[in-house]
């Protein structure tokens, strides 16, 4: 899949060089209303999962930061029921994958995790927050991806084997520009291809 090239060029070094707006973890709360619009206007229901992707640093302090993020997620999960899994993908990127049927809990958990990285001085290691949706009739997956290096969201609707539904992506852009801080430069709408056609980018 093209995950490595996507993260490296768009969510990584090139995006940092071309950044036009600082990332703000408060942007993530925009997804709280976007969830409602996605379902009411477009029949895309929350998939019950979201993910935070980050690049690691070989240091004791960073390892302690990740442990602290896990502790925050565990504490929050005791109240909300949100569960999480942490893993490293084939390209060396790290993910916190969150599961919860309540989209508000997912948004809050991703925000808390991202904010802890930033508070500990590792905001530059954050790459993307990914929020998943599934169409209630045809089962298509759609994602809003927040690029921390660009400080903006962009839509991603994969179809088949490494193809994407551009029509739906442009519709999402037009509908949510204003509700979300949407990336207007389509060069940065890079795909995060799943390993299988019906999978999620973090799988």
N, C-alpha and C. Protein backbone atom coordinates (compact mmCIF):
# COMPACT_ATOMS: atom_id res chain seq x y z
N UNK A 1 0.84 -1.20 0.00
CA UNK A 1 0.00 0.00 0.00
C UNK A 1 0.87 1.25 0.00
N UNK A 2 0.28 2.43 -0.23
CA UNK A 2 1.05 3.66 -0.33
C UNK A 2 1.14 4.42 0.97
N UNK A 3 0.94 3.76 2.09
CA UNK A 3 0.89 4.44 3.37
C UNK A 3 2.20 5.15 3.68
N UNK A 4 3.34 4.47 3.42
CA UNK A 4 4.62 5.05 3.78
C UNK A 4 4.85 6.36 3.03
N UNK A 5 4.67 6.32 1.70
CA UNK A 5 4.88 7.52 0.90
C UNK A 5 3.92 8.62 1.30
N UNK A 6 2.67 8.25 1.60
CA UNK A 6 1.67 9.25 1.97
C UNK A 6 2.06 9.97 3.25
N UNK A 7 2.39 9.19 4.27
CA UNK A 7 2.72 9.80 5.55
C UNK A 7 4.01 10.60 5.47
N UNK A 8 4.98 10.07 4.74
CA UNK A 8 6.27 10.75 4.67
C UNK A 8 6.16 12.08 3.95
N UNK A 9 5.46 12.10 2.81
CA UNK A 9 5.45 13.30 1.99
C UNK A 9 4.40 14.31 2.40
N UNK A 10 3.23 13.84 2.84
CA UNK A 10 2.15 14.77 3.10
C UNK A 10 1.97 15.06 4.57
N UNK A 11 2.01 14.02 5.39
CA UNK A 11 1.82 14.23 6.82
C UNK A 11 3.16 14.41 7.52
N UNK A 12 4.23 14.30 6.77
CA UNK A 12 5.57 14.38 7.34
C UNK A 12 6.33 15.61 6.90
N UNK A 13 7.50 15.40 6.28
CA UNK A 13 8.44 16.47 6.05
C UNK A 13 7.92 17.54 5.09
N UNK A 14 7.35 17.13 3.94
CA UNK A 14 6.92 18.13 2.97
C UNK A 14 5.80 18.99 3.51
N UNK A 15 4.88 18.37 4.24
CA UNK A 15 3.77 19.13 4.80
C UNK A 15 4.26 20.14 5.83
N UNK A 16 5.29 19.76 6.58
CA UNK A 16 5.84 20.69 7.57
C UNK A 16 6.46 21.89 6.87
N UNK A 17 7.16 21.65 5.76
CA UNK A 17 7.77 22.73 5.01
C UNK A 17 6.73 23.65 4.41
N UNK A 18 5.64 23.07 3.90
CA UNK A 18 4.61 23.83 3.21
C UNK A 18 3.47 24.26 4.12
N UNK A 19 3.59 24.07 5.41
CA UNK A 19 2.49 24.36 6.32
C UNK A 19 2.06 25.82 6.22
N UNK A 20 0.76 26.04 6.19
CA UNK A 20 0.21 27.39 6.12
C UNK A 20 -0.54 27.74 7.40
N UNK A 21 -0.70 26.79 8.29
CA UNK A 21 -1.48 27.01 9.50
C UNK A 21 -1.01 26.04 10.57
N UNK A 22 -0.79 26.53 11.78
CA UNK A 22 -0.37 25.66 12.86
C UNK A 22 -1.49 24.71 13.25
N UNK A 23 -1.13 23.47 13.55
CA UNK A 23 -2.11 22.51 14.03
C UNK A 23 -2.62 22.97 15.40
N UNK A 24 -3.87 22.70 15.65
CA UNK A 24 -4.50 23.06 16.91
C UNK A 24 -5.36 21.88 17.33
N UNK A 25 -5.05 21.22 18.45
CA UNK A 25 -5.87 20.07 18.86
C UNK A 25 -7.33 20.41 19.07
N UNK A 26 -7.64 21.70 19.27
CA UNK A 26 -9.05 22.10 19.40
C UNK A 26 -9.80 21.88 18.09
N UNK A 27 -9.07 21.83 16.96
CA UNK A 27 -9.71 21.54 15.67
C UNK A 27 -10.44 20.21 15.70
N UNK A 28 -9.94 19.28 16.50
CA UNK A 28 -10.53 17.94 16.53
C UNK A 28 -11.98 17.97 17.00
N UNK A 29 -12.33 18.95 17.81
CA UNK A 29 -13.71 19.02 18.31
C UNK A 29 -14.70 19.39 17.21
N UNK A 30 -14.21 19.89 16.09
CA UNK A 30 -15.10 20.13 14.97
C UNK A 30 -15.78 18.86 14.48
N UNK A 31 -15.15 17.72 14.75
CA UNK A 31 -15.72 16.46 14.33
C UNK A 31 -16.99 16.12 15.13
N UNK A 32 -17.19 16.76 16.26
CA UNK A 32 -18.38 16.50 17.08
C UNK A 32 -19.66 16.88 16.33
N UNK A 33 -19.62 17.97 15.58
CA UNK A 33 -20.78 18.34 14.78
C UNK A 33 -20.73 17.68 13.40
N UNK A 34 -19.53 17.45 12.88
CA UNK A 34 -19.41 16.82 11.57
C UNK A 34 -20.00 15.42 11.58
N UNK A 35 -19.88 14.70 12.68
CA UNK A 35 -20.48 13.38 12.79
C UNK A 35 -21.99 13.45 12.51
N UNK A 36 -22.63 14.45 13.09
CA UNK A 36 -24.07 14.60 12.94
C UNK A 36 -24.44 14.91 11.49
N UNK A 37 -23.68 15.80 10.87
CA UNK A 37 -23.94 16.17 9.48
C UNK A 37 -23.70 15.00 8.54
N UNK A 38 -22.63 14.25 8.78
CA UNK A 38 -22.32 13.10 7.93
C UNK A 38 -23.49 12.11 7.89
N UNK A 39 -24.10 11.88 9.03
CA UNK A 39 -25.18 10.90 9.10
C UNK A 39 -26.50 11.47 8.60
N UNK A 40 -26.81 12.70 9.02
CA UNK A 40 -28.11 13.27 8.67
C UNK A 40 -28.21 13.66 7.21
N UNK A 41 -27.12 14.18 6.65
CA UNK A 41 -27.16 14.70 5.29
C UNK A 41 -26.63 13.73 4.24
N UNK A 42 -25.73 12.83 4.64
CA UNK A 42 -25.06 11.98 3.64
C UNK A 42 -25.21 10.48 3.91
N UNK A 43 -25.91 10.12 4.95
CA UNK A 43 -26.12 8.71 5.31
C UNK A 43 -24.83 7.97 5.62
N UNK A 44 -23.82 8.69 6.09
CA UNK A 44 -22.58 8.06 6.56
C UNK A 44 -22.61 8.03 8.08
N UNK A 45 -22.81 6.85 8.64
CA UNK A 45 -22.86 6.69 10.09
C UNK A 45 -21.44 6.52 10.65
N UNK A 46 -21.20 6.95 11.87
CA UNK A 46 -19.89 6.73 12.48
C UNK A 46 -19.54 5.25 12.49
N UNK A 47 -18.30 4.94 12.16
CA UNK A 47 -17.85 3.55 12.09
C UNK A 47 -17.52 2.97 13.46
N UNK A 48 -17.58 3.80 14.49
CA UNK A 48 -17.26 3.32 15.84
C UNK A 48 -15.79 3.20 16.10
N UNK A 49 -14.97 3.85 15.28
CA UNK A 49 -13.51 3.75 15.45
C UNK A 49 -12.84 5.02 14.94
N UNK A 50 -11.73 5.36 15.55
CA UNK A 50 -10.89 6.47 15.13
C UNK A 50 -9.45 6.11 15.50
N UNK A 51 -8.50 6.86 14.96
CA UNK A 51 -7.10 6.51 15.22
C UNK A 51 -6.23 7.76 15.24
N UNK A 52 -5.15 7.67 15.98
CA UNK A 52 -4.14 8.71 16.04
C UNK A 52 -2.82 8.10 15.62
N UNK A 53 -2.20 8.69 14.60
CA UNK A 53 -0.94 8.17 14.06
C UNK A 53 0.20 9.11 14.43
N UNK A 54 1.33 8.55 14.86
CA UNK A 54 2.46 9.37 15.25
C UNK A 54 3.77 8.66 14.93
N UNK A 55 4.82 9.45 14.83
CA UNK A 55 6.16 8.92 14.60
C UNK A 55 6.90 8.88 15.93
N UNK A 56 7.64 7.83 16.13
CA UNK A 56 8.32 7.63 17.41
C UNK A 56 9.66 8.36 17.47
N UNK A 57 10.17 8.49 18.67
CA UNK A 57 11.50 9.01 18.93
C UNK A 57 12.19 8.05 19.88
N UNK A 58 13.44 7.73 19.59
CA UNK A 58 14.17 6.78 20.43
C UNK A 58 14.74 7.50 21.65
N UNK A 59 13.86 7.72 22.63
CA UNK A 59 14.30 8.38 23.86
C UNK A 59 13.44 7.92 25.01
N UNK A 60 14.01 7.94 26.19
CA UNK A 60 13.27 7.53 27.39
C UNK A 60 12.11 8.47 27.65
N UNK A 61 12.33 9.76 27.44
CA UNK A 61 11.28 10.73 27.71
C UNK A 61 10.08 10.52 26.78
N UNK A 62 10.35 10.22 25.51
CA UNK A 62 9.24 9.99 24.60
C UNK A 62 8.50 8.72 24.98
N UNK A 63 9.23 7.68 25.37
CA UNK A 63 8.58 6.45 25.80
C UNK A 63 7.68 6.70 27.00
N UNK A 64 8.15 7.54 27.92
CA UNK A 64 7.33 7.89 29.08
C UNK A 64 6.10 8.68 28.66
N UNK A 65 6.24 9.53 27.64
CA UNK A 65 5.10 10.28 27.13
C UNK A 65 4.04 9.34 26.56
N UNK A 66 4.47 8.36 25.79
CA UNK A 66 3.52 7.40 25.22
C UNK A 66 2.84 6.61 26.33
N UNK A 67 3.61 6.25 27.36
CA UNK A 67 3.00 5.55 28.50
C UNK A 67 1.96 6.42 29.18
N UNK A 68 2.23 7.71 29.27
CA UNK A 68 1.29 8.63 29.90
C UNK A 68 0.02 8.76 29.06
N UNK A 69 0.19 8.77 27.74
CA UNK A 69 -0.98 8.82 26.86
C UNK A 69 -1.84 7.57 27.08
N UNK A 70 -1.17 6.41 27.18
CA UNK A 70 -1.92 5.18 27.45
C UNK A 70 -2.67 5.26 28.77
N UNK A 71 -2.03 5.82 29.78
CA UNK A 71 -2.68 5.94 31.08
C UNK A 71 -3.91 6.85 30.99
N UNK A 72 -3.81 7.91 30.21
CA UNK A 72 -4.94 8.83 30.03
C UNK A 72 -6.08 8.11 29.32
N UNK A 73 -5.75 7.34 28.30
CA UNK A 73 -6.78 6.61 27.56
C UNK A 73 -7.44 5.54 28.43
N UNK A 74 -6.65 4.88 29.26
CA UNK A 74 -7.21 3.88 30.16
C UNK A 74 -8.14 4.51 31.18
N UNK A 75 -7.72 5.65 31.74
CA UNK A 75 -8.56 6.34 32.73
C UNK A 75 -9.85 6.82 32.08
N UNK A 76 -9.74 7.36 30.89
CA UNK A 76 -10.94 7.82 30.21
C UNK A 76 -11.86 6.68 29.84
N UNK A 77 -11.26 5.55 29.47
CA UNK A 77 -12.05 4.38 29.10
C UNK A 77 -12.87 3.82 30.24
N UNK A 78 -12.38 4.00 31.46
CA UNK A 78 -13.14 3.53 32.62
C UNK A 78 -14.46 4.28 32.75
N UNK A 79 -14.48 5.51 32.29
CA UNK A 79 -15.71 6.31 32.38
C UNK A 79 -16.58 6.16 31.14
N UNK A 80 -15.96 6.07 29.98
CA UNK A 80 -16.73 6.10 28.73
C UNK A 80 -16.90 4.73 28.08
N UNK A 81 -16.04 3.78 28.45
CA UNK A 81 -16.08 2.48 27.80
C UNK A 81 -15.27 2.42 26.52
N UNK A 82 -14.56 3.51 26.21
CA UNK A 82 -13.71 3.53 25.02
C UNK A 82 -12.53 2.59 25.21
N UNK A 83 -12.32 1.70 24.27
CA UNK A 83 -11.15 0.81 24.32
C UNK A 83 -10.14 1.27 23.28
N UNK A 84 -8.91 0.85 23.45
CA UNK A 84 -7.87 1.25 22.51
C UNK A 84 -6.88 0.11 22.30
N UNK A 85 -6.19 0.21 21.19
CA UNK A 85 -5.11 -0.72 20.87
C UNK A 85 -3.95 0.12 20.34
N UNK A 86 -2.76 -0.27 20.68
CA UNK A 86 -1.57 0.43 20.19
C UNK A 86 -0.72 -0.54 19.40
N UNK A 87 -0.28 -0.10 18.23
CA UNK A 87 0.60 -0.98 17.46
C UNK A 87 1.49 -0.18 16.53
N UNK A 88 2.51 -0.84 16.02
CA UNK A 88 3.44 -0.26 15.04
C UNK A 88 3.20 -0.92 13.71
N UNK A 89 3.03 -0.12 12.65
CA UNK A 89 2.75 -0.71 11.34
C UNK A 89 4.05 -1.14 10.65
N UNK A 90 3.91 -1.66 9.45
CA UNK A 90 5.06 -2.22 8.74
C UNK A 90 6.10 -1.18 8.35
N UNK A 91 5.73 0.10 8.41
CA UNK A 91 6.64 1.17 8.02
C UNK A 91 7.22 1.92 9.21
N UNK A 92 6.95 1.43 10.41
CA UNK A 92 7.53 2.03 11.60
C UNK A 92 6.72 3.14 12.23
N UNK A 93 5.53 3.40 11.70
CA UNK A 93 4.66 4.41 12.30
C UNK A 93 3.82 3.76 13.40
N UNK A 94 3.46 4.57 14.39
CA UNK A 94 2.73 4.06 15.55
C UNK A 94 1.31 4.60 15.55
N UNK A 95 0.39 3.77 16.07
CA UNK A 95 -1.03 4.10 16.06
C UNK A 95 -1.66 3.81 17.42
N UNK A 96 -2.52 4.71 17.84
CA UNK A 96 -3.51 4.42 18.88
C UNK A 96 -4.84 4.30 18.15
N UNK A 97 -5.44 3.14 18.20
CA UNK A 97 -6.72 2.90 17.55
C UNK A 97 -7.79 2.79 18.62
N UNK A 98 -8.82 3.62 18.52
CA UNK A 98 -9.86 3.70 19.54
C UNK A 98 -11.17 3.14 19.02
N UNK A 99 -11.88 2.43 19.88
CA UNK A 99 -13.18 1.86 19.53
C UNK A 99 -14.22 2.31 20.54
N UNK A 100 -15.33 2.84 20.01
CA UNK A 100 -16.44 3.26 20.86
C UNK A 100 -17.62 3.56 19.95
N UNK A 101 -18.79 3.13 20.34
CA UNK A 101 -19.98 3.39 19.53
C UNK A 101 -20.44 4.84 19.65
N UNK A 102 -19.94 5.56 20.64
CA UNK A 102 -20.29 6.96 20.84
C UNK A 102 -19.22 7.85 20.20
N UNK A 103 -19.55 8.55 19.11
CA UNK A 103 -18.54 9.36 18.43
C UNK A 103 -17.99 10.49 19.28
N UNK A 104 -18.79 11.01 20.21
CA UNK A 104 -18.30 12.06 21.09
C UNK A 104 -17.14 11.56 21.94
N UNK A 105 -17.25 10.31 22.42
CA UNK A 105 -16.17 9.74 23.21
C UNK A 105 -14.89 9.58 22.38
N UNK A 106 -15.05 9.21 21.12
CA UNK A 106 -13.88 9.06 20.25
C UNK A 106 -13.17 10.39 20.05
N UNK A 107 -13.95 11.42 19.77
CA UNK A 107 -13.36 12.75 19.56
C UNK A 107 -12.61 13.20 20.80
N UNK A 108 -13.26 13.03 21.95
CA UNK A 108 -12.64 13.46 23.20
C UNK A 108 -11.36 12.69 23.49
N UNK A 109 -11.37 11.40 23.27
CA UNK A 109 -10.20 10.56 23.54
C UNK A 109 -9.04 10.92 22.61
N UNK A 110 -9.32 11.11 21.33
CA UNK A 110 -8.27 11.49 20.40
C UNK A 110 -7.69 12.85 20.79
N UNK A 111 -8.56 13.77 21.18
CA UNK A 111 -8.09 15.08 21.61
C UNK A 111 -7.18 14.99 22.82
N UNK A 112 -7.61 14.24 23.84
CA UNK A 112 -6.80 14.10 25.05
C UNK A 112 -5.42 13.52 24.72
N UNK A 113 -5.40 12.50 23.86
CA UNK A 113 -4.14 11.86 23.49
C UNK A 113 -3.23 12.84 22.76
N UNK A 114 -3.79 13.54 21.76
CA UNK A 114 -2.99 14.49 20.99
C UNK A 114 -2.49 15.63 21.88
N UNK A 115 -3.35 16.11 22.77
CA UNK A 115 -2.98 17.23 23.63
C UNK A 115 -1.84 16.85 24.57
N UNK A 116 -1.82 15.59 25.01
CA UNK A 116 -0.73 15.15 25.89
C UNK A 116 0.61 15.16 25.15
N UNK A 117 0.61 14.68 23.91
CA UNK A 117 1.85 14.75 23.12
C UNK A 117 2.33 16.19 23.00
N UNK A 118 1.41 17.09 22.73
CA UNK A 118 1.78 18.49 22.54
C UNK A 118 2.28 19.10 23.84
N UNK A 119 1.59 18.82 24.94
CA UNK A 119 1.99 19.36 26.24
C UNK A 119 3.37 18.88 26.65
N UNK A 120 3.73 17.66 26.25
CA UNK A 120 5.03 17.11 26.59
C UNK A 120 6.12 17.49 25.60
N UNK A 121 5.77 18.32 24.62
CA UNK A 121 6.77 18.82 23.67
C UNK A 121 6.97 17.95 22.45
N UNK A 122 6.02 17.05 22.16
CA UNK A 122 6.16 16.15 21.03
C UNK A 122 5.04 16.33 20.00
N UNK A 123 4.53 17.53 19.90
CA UNK A 123 3.51 17.80 18.90
C UNK A 123 4.00 17.56 17.49
N UNK A 124 5.30 17.76 17.27
CA UNK A 124 5.85 17.57 15.92
C UNK A 124 5.86 16.11 15.49
N UNK A 125 5.67 15.20 16.43
CA UNK A 125 5.67 13.77 16.10
C UNK A 125 4.27 13.30 15.69
N UNK A 126 3.26 14.13 15.91
CA UNK A 126 1.90 13.76 15.52
C UNK A 126 1.74 13.89 14.00
N UNK A 127 1.19 12.88 13.38
CA UNK A 127 1.01 12.90 11.93
C UNK A 127 -0.45 13.10 11.54
N UNK A 128 -1.34 12.25 12.05
CA UNK A 128 -2.73 12.34 11.60
C UNK A 128 -3.69 11.79 12.63
N UNK A 129 -4.88 12.36 12.64
CA UNK A 129 -6.03 11.78 13.34
C UNK A 129 -7.01 11.36 12.26
N UNK A 130 -7.53 10.14 12.37
CA UNK A 130 -8.39 9.58 11.33
C UNK A 130 -9.72 9.17 11.95
N UNK A 131 -10.82 9.68 11.37
CA UNK A 131 -12.17 9.39 11.86
C UNK A 131 -12.93 8.65 10.77
N UNK A 132 -13.47 7.47 11.11
CA UNK A 132 -14.09 6.61 10.12
C UNK A 132 -15.62 6.67 10.11
N UNK A 133 -16.17 6.47 8.89
CA UNK A 133 -17.62 6.43 8.69
C UNK A 133 -17.96 5.31 7.71
N UNK A 134 -19.20 4.83 7.78
CA UNK A 134 -19.67 3.79 6.87
C UNK A 134 -21.06 4.15 6.36
N UNK A 135 -21.23 4.06 5.04
CA UNK A 135 -22.51 4.41 4.45
C UNK A 135 -23.57 3.38 4.85
N UNK A 136 -24.73 3.87 5.25
CA UNK A 136 -25.75 2.98 5.81
C UNK A 136 -26.39 2.09 4.74
N UNK A 137 -26.28 2.46 3.47
CA UNK A 137 -26.90 1.64 2.42
C UNK A 137 -25.89 0.80 1.65
N UNK A 138 -24.84 1.41 1.15
CA UNK A 138 -23.91 0.64 0.30
C UNK A 138 -22.65 0.17 1.02
N UNK A 139 -22.50 0.53 2.31
CA UNK A 139 -21.37 0.05 3.09
C UNK A 139 -20.04 0.69 2.78
N UNK A 140 -20.02 1.72 1.94
CA UNK A 140 -18.77 2.38 1.60
C UNK A 140 -18.14 3.04 2.82
N UNK A 141 -16.83 3.02 2.88
CA UNK A 141 -16.11 3.69 3.96
C UNK A 141 -15.70 5.09 3.52
N UNK A 142 -15.76 6.01 4.44
CA UNK A 142 -15.28 7.37 4.22
C UNK A 142 -14.54 7.82 5.47
N UNK A 143 -13.56 8.70 5.28
CA UNK A 143 -12.73 9.15 6.39
C UNK A 143 -12.49 10.65 6.32
N UNK A 144 -12.47 11.25 7.48
CA UNK A 144 -11.91 12.59 7.61
C UNK A 144 -10.55 12.43 8.26
N UNK A 145 -9.52 12.94 7.60
CA UNK A 145 -8.15 12.83 8.09
C UNK A 145 -7.67 14.22 8.47
N UNK A 146 -7.22 14.37 9.70
CA UNK A 146 -6.67 15.65 10.16
C UNK A 146 -5.15 15.56 10.11
N UNK A 147 -4.55 16.38 9.27
CA UNK A 147 -3.09 16.44 9.17
C UNK A 147 -2.56 17.45 10.18
N UNK A 148 -1.82 16.97 11.15
CA UNK A 148 -1.26 17.87 12.16
C UNK A 148 -0.21 18.80 11.55
N UNK A 149 0.46 18.37 10.50
CA UNK A 149 1.48 19.21 9.88
C UNK A 149 0.87 20.33 9.05
N UNK A 150 -0.34 20.15 8.56
CA UNK A 150 -1.01 21.18 7.78
C UNK A 150 -2.05 21.94 8.61
N UNK A 151 -2.50 21.33 9.72
CA UNK A 151 -3.53 21.97 10.54
C UNK A 151 -4.87 22.00 9.86
N UNK A 152 -5.16 20.96 9.05
CA UNK A 152 -6.40 20.93 8.27
C UNK A 152 -6.90 19.50 8.11
N UNK A 153 -8.20 19.39 7.86
CA UNK A 153 -8.84 18.11 7.53
C UNK A 153 -8.88 17.93 6.01
N UNK A 154 -8.91 16.67 5.58
CA UNK A 154 -9.26 16.39 4.19
C UNK A 154 -10.02 15.07 4.12
N UNK A 155 -10.88 14.92 3.10
CA UNK A 155 -11.69 13.71 2.98
C UNK A 155 -10.96 12.62 2.21
N UNK A 156 -11.25 11.38 2.56
CA UNK A 156 -10.69 10.22 1.86
C UNK A 156 -11.77 9.15 1.78
N UNK A 157 -12.13 8.78 0.53
CA UNK A 157 -13.16 7.77 0.31
C UNK A 157 -12.57 6.69 -0.59
N UNK A 158 -12.00 5.62 -0.02
CA UNK A 158 -11.41 4.56 -0.83
C UNK A 158 -12.47 3.65 -1.43
N UNK A 159 -12.20 3.15 -2.62
CA UNK A 159 -13.08 2.18 -3.26
C UNK A 159 -12.22 1.13 -3.96
N UNK A 160 -12.67 -0.11 -3.91
CA UNK A 160 -11.96 -1.16 -4.63
C UNK A 160 -10.51 -1.29 -4.21
N UNK A 161 -9.66 -1.60 -5.16
CA UNK A 161 -8.23 -1.82 -4.90
C UNK A 161 -7.45 -0.56 -5.26
N UNK A 162 -7.16 0.26 -4.25
CA UNK A 162 -6.40 1.49 -4.41
C UNK A 162 -7.03 2.45 -5.41
N UNK A 163 -8.34 2.58 -5.32
CA UNK A 163 -9.07 3.60 -6.06
C UNK A 163 -9.84 4.43 -5.06
N UNK A 164 -10.26 5.61 -5.48
CA UNK A 164 -10.99 6.47 -4.57
C UNK A 164 -12.17 7.11 -5.28
N UNK A 165 -13.19 7.42 -4.50
CA UNK A 165 -14.40 8.02 -5.02
C UNK A 165 -14.25 9.54 -4.96
N UNK A 166 -13.74 10.11 -6.02
CA UNK A 166 -13.47 11.56 -6.04
C UNK A 166 -14.75 12.37 -5.94
N UNK A 167 -15.83 11.85 -6.53
CA UNK A 167 -17.10 12.58 -6.48
C UNK A 167 -17.54 12.78 -5.03
N UNK A 168 -17.48 11.73 -4.25
CA UNK A 168 -17.87 11.85 -2.85
C UNK A 168 -16.89 12.72 -2.07
N UNK A 169 -15.63 12.63 -2.39
CA UNK A 169 -14.65 13.45 -1.68
C UNK A 169 -14.90 14.94 -1.93
N UNK A 170 -15.17 15.32 -3.18
CA UNK A 170 -15.44 16.73 -3.47
C UNK A 170 -16.74 17.19 -2.84
N UNK A 171 -17.71 16.28 -2.75
CA UNK A 171 -18.96 16.64 -2.09
C UNK A 171 -18.72 16.90 -0.61
N UNK A 172 -17.89 16.08 0.01
CA UNK A 172 -17.56 16.29 1.42
C UNK A 172 -16.83 17.62 1.60
N UNK A 173 -15.92 17.91 0.70
CA UNK A 173 -15.20 19.18 0.78
C UNK A 173 -16.18 20.36 0.73
N UNK A 174 -17.09 20.33 -0.22
CA UNK A 174 -18.00 21.46 -0.40
C UNK A 174 -18.97 21.59 0.77
N UNK A 175 -19.42 20.47 1.32
CA UNK A 175 -20.40 20.53 2.41
C UNK A 175 -19.79 20.95 3.74
N UNK A 176 -18.53 20.62 3.95
CA UNK A 176 -17.96 20.81 5.28
C UNK A 176 -16.98 21.98 5.36
N UNK A 177 -16.73 22.63 4.25
CA UNK A 177 -15.87 23.80 4.28
C UNK A 177 -16.58 24.90 5.07
N UNK A 178 -16.10 25.16 6.25
CA UNK A 178 -16.77 26.08 7.18
C UNK A 178 -17.09 25.39 8.48
N UNK A 179 -17.59 24.15 8.38
CA UNK A 179 -17.84 23.37 9.60
C UNK A 179 -16.53 22.78 10.12
N UNK A 180 -15.67 22.39 9.18
CA UNK A 180 -14.32 21.93 9.50
C UNK A 180 -13.31 22.84 8.78
N UNK A 181 -12.08 22.83 9.27
CA UNK A 181 -11.01 23.53 8.57
C UNK A 181 -10.50 22.58 7.49
N UNK A 182 -11.04 22.72 6.27
CA UNK A 182 -10.78 21.75 5.21
C UNK A 182 -9.60 22.21 4.36
N UNK A 183 -8.72 21.28 4.04
CA UNK A 183 -7.58 21.53 3.17
C UNK A 183 -8.07 21.87 1.76
N UNK A 184 -7.75 23.08 1.29
CA UNK A 184 -8.22 23.49 -0.03
C UNK A 184 -7.23 23.15 -1.14
N UNK A 185 -6.07 22.69 -0.80
CA UNK A 185 -5.08 22.27 -1.80
C UNK A 185 -5.16 20.76 -1.95
N UNK A 186 -5.74 20.31 -3.04
CA UNK A 186 -6.00 18.88 -3.22
C UNK A 186 -4.72 18.05 -3.36
N UNK A 187 -3.59 18.69 -3.55
CA UNK A 187 -2.33 17.94 -3.59
C UNK A 187 -2.04 17.25 -2.25
N UNK A 188 -2.67 17.78 -1.19
CA UNK A 188 -2.44 17.22 0.13
C UNK A 188 -3.53 16.25 0.57
N UNK A 189 -4.41 15.89 -0.34
CA UNK A 189 -5.43 14.88 -0.02
C UNK A 189 -4.85 13.50 -0.30
N UNK A 190 -3.81 13.14 0.38
CA UNK A 190 -3.15 11.88 0.09
C UNK A 190 -3.89 10.70 0.72
N UNK A 191 -3.96 9.59 0.00
CA UNK A 191 -4.67 8.42 0.51
C UNK A 191 -3.89 7.69 1.59
N UNK A 192 -4.60 7.13 2.53
CA UNK A 192 -4.02 6.19 3.50
C UNK A 192 -4.66 4.84 3.21
N UNK A 193 -4.10 4.15 2.26
CA UNK A 193 -4.72 2.91 1.79
C UNK A 193 -4.72 1.83 2.85
N UNK A 194 -5.85 1.16 3.03
CA UNK A 194 -5.89 -0.01 3.93
C UNK A 194 -5.20 -1.19 3.27
N UNK A 195 -4.89 -2.20 4.06
CA UNK A 195 -4.25 -3.39 3.53
C UNK A 195 -5.19 -4.22 2.67
N UNK A 196 -6.50 -4.09 2.91
CA UNK A 196 -7.49 -4.81 2.11
C UNK A 196 -8.61 -3.86 1.76
N UNK A 197 -9.32 -4.12 0.66
CA UNK A 197 -10.33 -3.17 0.18
C UNK A 197 -11.39 -2.78 1.20
N UNK A 198 -11.78 -3.71 2.08
CA UNK A 198 -12.83 -3.41 3.04
C UNK A 198 -12.28 -3.05 4.42
N UNK A 199 -10.98 -2.84 4.51
CA UNK A 199 -10.36 -2.54 5.80
C UNK A 199 -10.24 -1.04 6.05
N UNK A 200 -9.75 -0.70 7.24
CA UNK A 200 -9.51 0.68 7.61
C UNK A 200 -8.03 1.02 7.43
N UNK A 201 -7.68 2.30 7.28
CA UNK A 201 -6.27 2.67 7.09
C UNK A 201 -5.35 2.21 8.20
N UNK A 202 -5.89 2.08 9.41
CA UNK A 202 -5.04 1.70 10.54
C UNK A 202 -4.92 0.20 10.71
N UNK A 203 -5.54 -0.58 9.85
CA UNK A 203 -5.49 -2.04 9.99
C UNK A 203 -4.36 -2.63 9.15
